[in-house]
Protein backbone atom coordinates (compact mmCIF):
# COMPACT_ATOMS: atom_id res chain seq x y z
CA MET A 1 -2.24 -27.46 -37.18
CA THR A 2 -2.15 -27.92 -40.94
CA GLU A 3 0.58 -25.29 -41.20
CA TYR A 4 2.81 -27.31 -38.88
CA LEU A 5 2.25 -30.47 -40.87
CA ASP A 6 3.07 -28.62 -44.09
CA ILE A 7 6.35 -27.43 -42.58
CA VAL A 8 7.25 -30.90 -41.32
CA ASN A 9 6.39 -32.46 -44.68
CA THR A 10 8.54 -29.89 -46.47
CA LEU A 11 11.49 -30.58 -44.16
CA ILE A 12 11.27 -34.36 -44.49
CA SER A 13 11.20 -34.04 -48.27
CA TYR A 14 14.88 -33.06 -48.21
CA ASP A 15 17.37 -35.88 -48.77
CA THR A 16 19.77 -34.50 -46.17
CA GLU A 17 19.83 -31.97 -43.38
CA GLU A 18 20.63 -28.41 -44.41
CA GLU A 19 22.60 -25.68 -42.66
CA TRP A 20 19.34 -24.16 -41.46
CA PHE A 21 17.64 -27.28 -40.08
CA GLU A 22 18.51 -30.66 -38.63
CA PHE A 23 16.63 -33.62 -37.24
CA LYS A 24 17.16 -34.89 -33.71
CA GLU A 25 15.84 -37.98 -32.03
CA ASN A 26 15.87 -38.99 -28.40
CA LEU A 27 16.56 -35.43 -27.34
CA ASP A 28 14.52 -35.17 -24.17
CA LYS A 29 16.19 -32.54 -22.01
CA ALA A 30 14.39 -29.21 -22.25
CA ASP A 31 17.54 -27.08 -21.89
CA GLU A 32 19.28 -28.98 -24.71
CA VAL A 33 16.24 -28.67 -26.96
CA GLY A 34 16.16 -24.93 -26.22
CA LYS A 35 19.82 -24.53 -27.14
CA TYR A 36 19.33 -26.38 -30.43
CA ILE A 37 16.27 -24.33 -31.30
CA SER A 38 18.05 -21.09 -30.47
CA ALA A 39 21.06 -22.01 -32.57
CA LEU A 40 18.94 -23.10 -35.52
CA VAL A 41 16.85 -19.92 -35.36
CA ASN A 42 20.01 -17.83 -35.36
CA VAL A 43 21.32 -19.61 -38.46
CA GLY A 44 17.92 -19.43 -40.12
CA ILE A 45 17.70 -15.70 -39.54
CA THR A 46 21.21 -15.28 -40.89
CA ILE A 47 20.38 -17.05 -44.13
CA GLU A 48 16.73 -15.87 -44.18
CA LYS A 49 15.13 -19.30 -44.01
CA ILE A 50 12.90 -18.77 -40.98
CA VAL A 51 9.26 -19.71 -41.42
CA VAL A 52 7.08 -17.50 -39.25
CA ILE A 53 3.96 -19.17 -37.97
């Protein structure tokens, strides 16, 4: 669990969203969440910013 908190704390330390991550709120439809995650993972892999847990 600590690893997840470390990742979240790292992400919220940025002043703005980056090309490899973004924050969403009120996103409660599973298929939409899945599409966002898939797209972000693809970008992260492309620019080598994926954190493997």
